[in-house]
Amino acid sequence: MDCRDMRELIVQHSSGDLGQPEIVEVESHITECAECAVYYRRSQNLWKFLDGIEEIEPEENYIARFW
């Protein structure tokens, strides 16, 4: 698998959407490929940041007030 395909798996890995065989494949690849390892760390950091953002619920009349 080339690095472009691996990056798609890395994003899925970071979001928790991979099965065990793909997790092993990603983790094996990032030990051998410095560029993908950097991409993996950045993806992990992004997901951690997004998980820390507080979700807000708009008021019930938000759409009516918006338009």
C-alpha atoms as a PDB file:
ATOM      1  CA  MET A   1       0.000   0.000   0.000  1.00  0.00           C
ATOM      2  CA  ASP A   2       1.372   3.412  -0.870  1.00  0.00           C
ATOM      3  CA  CYS A   3       1.541   6.364   1.503  1.00  0.00           C
ATOM      4  CA  ARG A   4      -1.453   8.133  -0.045  1.00  0.00           C
ATOM      5  CA  ASP A   5      -3.679   5.155   0.708  1.00  0.00           C
ATOM      6  CA  MET A   6      -2.102   4.825   4.139  1.00  0.00           C
ATOM      7  CA  ARG A   7      -3.000   8.428   4.994  1.00  0.00           C
ATOM      8  CA  GLU A   8      -6.662   7.615   4.483  1.00  0.00           C
ATOM      9  CA  LEU A   9      -6.278   4.741   6.936  1.00  0.00           C
ATOM     10  CA  ILE A  10      -4.397   6.997   9.363  1.00  0.00           C
ATOM     11  CA  VAL A  11      -7.339   9.405   9.521  1.00  0.00           C
ATOM     12  CA  GLN A  12      -9.711   6.507  10.089  1.00  0.00           C
ATOM     13  CA  HIS A  13      -7.380   5.131  12.765  1.00  0.00           C
ATOM     14  CA  SER A  14      -7.285   8.488  14.550  1.00  0.00           C
ATOM     15  CA  SER A  15     -11.066   8.653  14.608  1.00  0.00           C
ATOM     16  CA  GLY A  16     -11.371   5.059  15.848  1.00  0.00           C
ATOM     17  CA  ASP A  17     -12.954   3.687  12.678  1.00  0.00           C
ATOM     18  CA  LEU A  18     -10.577   0.807  11.865  1.00  0.00           C
ATOM     19  CA  GLY A  19     -10.634  -2.864  12.644  1.00  0.00           C
ATOM     20  CA  GLN A  20      -7.705  -4.652  14.230  1.00  0.00           C
ATOM     21  CA  PRO A  21      -6.027  -5.797  10.981  1.00  0.00           C
ATOM     22  CA  GLU A  22      -5.950  -2.245   9.609  1.00  0.00           C
ATOM     23  CA  ILE A  23      -4.728  -0.860  12.953  1.00  0.00           C
ATOM     24  CA  VAL A  24      -1.781  -3.260  12.842  1.00  0.00           C
ATOM     25  CA  GLU A  25      -1.053  -2.249   9.255  1.00  0.00           C
ATOM     26  CA  VAL A  26      -1.068   1.471  10.094  1.00  0.00           C
ATOM     27  CA  GLU A  27       1.053   1.051  13.203  1.00  0.00           C
ATOM     28  CA  SER A  28       3.551  -1.088  11.315  1.00  0.00           C
ATOM     29  CA  HIS A  29       3.776   1.422   8.461  1.00  0.00           C
ATOM     30  CA  ILE A  30       4.346   4.461  10.682  1.00  0.00           C
ATOM     31  CA  THR A  31       7.302   2.734  12.345  1.00  0.00           C
ATOM     32  CA  GLU A  32       8.964   2.506   8.933  1.00  0.00           C
ATOM     33  CA  CYS A  33       7.848   5.727   7.241  1.00  0.00           C
ATOM     34  CA  ALA A  34       8.832   9.013   8.894  1.00  0.00           C
ATOM     35  CA  GLU A  35       6.525  11.094   6.701  1.00  0.00           C
ATOM     36  CA  CYS A  36       3.462   9.035   7.583  1.00  0.00           C
ATOM     37  CA  ALA A  37       4.493   9.021  11.256  1.00  0.00           C
ATOM     38  CA  VAL A  38       4.360  12.825  11.232  1.00  0.00           C
ATOM     39  CA  TYR A  39       0.974  12.699   9.489  1.00  0.00           C
ATOM     40  CA  TYR A  40      -0.238  10.218  12.128  1.00  0.00           C
ATOM     41  CA  ARG A  41       0.856  12.451  15.034  1.00  0.00           C
ATOM     42  CA  ARG A  42      -0.791  15.474  13.456  1.00  0.00           C
ATOM     43  CA  SER A  43      -3.988  13.542  12.878  1.00  0.00           C
ATOM     44  CA  GLN A  44      -3.993  12.321  16.490  1.00  0.00           C
ATOM     45  CA  ASN A  45      -3.437  15.873  17.757  1.00  0.00           C
ATOM     46  CA  LEU A  46      -6.241  17.225  15.589  1.00  0.00           C
ATOM     47  CA  TRP A  47      -8.718  14.647  16.885  1.00  0.00           C
ATOM     48  CA  LYS A  48      -7.697  15.359  20.490  1.00  0.00           C
ATOM     49  CA  PHE A  49      -8.242  19.068  19.869  1.00  0.00           C
ATOM     50  CA  LEU A  50     -11.653  18.464  18.287  1.00  0.00           C
ATOM     51  CA  ASP A  51     -12.687  16.198  21.149  1.00  0.00           C
ATOM     52  CA  GLY A  52     -11.912  19.033  23.568  1.00  0.00           C
ATOM     53  CA  ILE A  53     -14.242  21.540  21.913  1.00  0.00           C
ATOM     54  CA  GLU A  54     -17.487  21.992  23.774  1.00  0.00           C
ATOM     55  CA  GLU A  55     -20.527  21.114  21.692  1.00  0.00           C
ATOM     56  CA  ILE A  56     -23.239  23.746  21.748  1.00  0.00           C
ATOM     57  CA  GLU A  57     -26.909  23.372  21.010  1.00  0.00           C
ATOM     58  CA  PRO A  58     -28.601  26.249  19.203  1.00  0.00           C
ATOM     59  CA  GLU A  59     -31.761  27.694  20.669  1.00  0.00           C
ATOM     60  CA  GLU A  60     -35.029  26.282  19.319  1.00  0.00           C
ATOM     61  CA  ASN A  61     -35.850  29.469  17.432  1.00  0.00           C
ATOM     62  CA  TYR A  62     -32.360  29.869  15.959  1.00  0.00           C
ATOM     63  CA  ILE A  63     -33.407  29.235  12.354  1.00  0.00           C
ATOM     64  CA  ALA A  64     -36.443  31.501  12.571  1.00  0.00           C
ATOM     65  CA  ARG A  65     -34.306  34.289  14.034  1.00  0.00           C
ATOM     66  CA  PHE A  66     -31.578  33.708  11.468  1.00  0.00           C
ATOM     67  CA  TRP A  67     -33.867  34.114   8.463  1.00  0.00           C
END
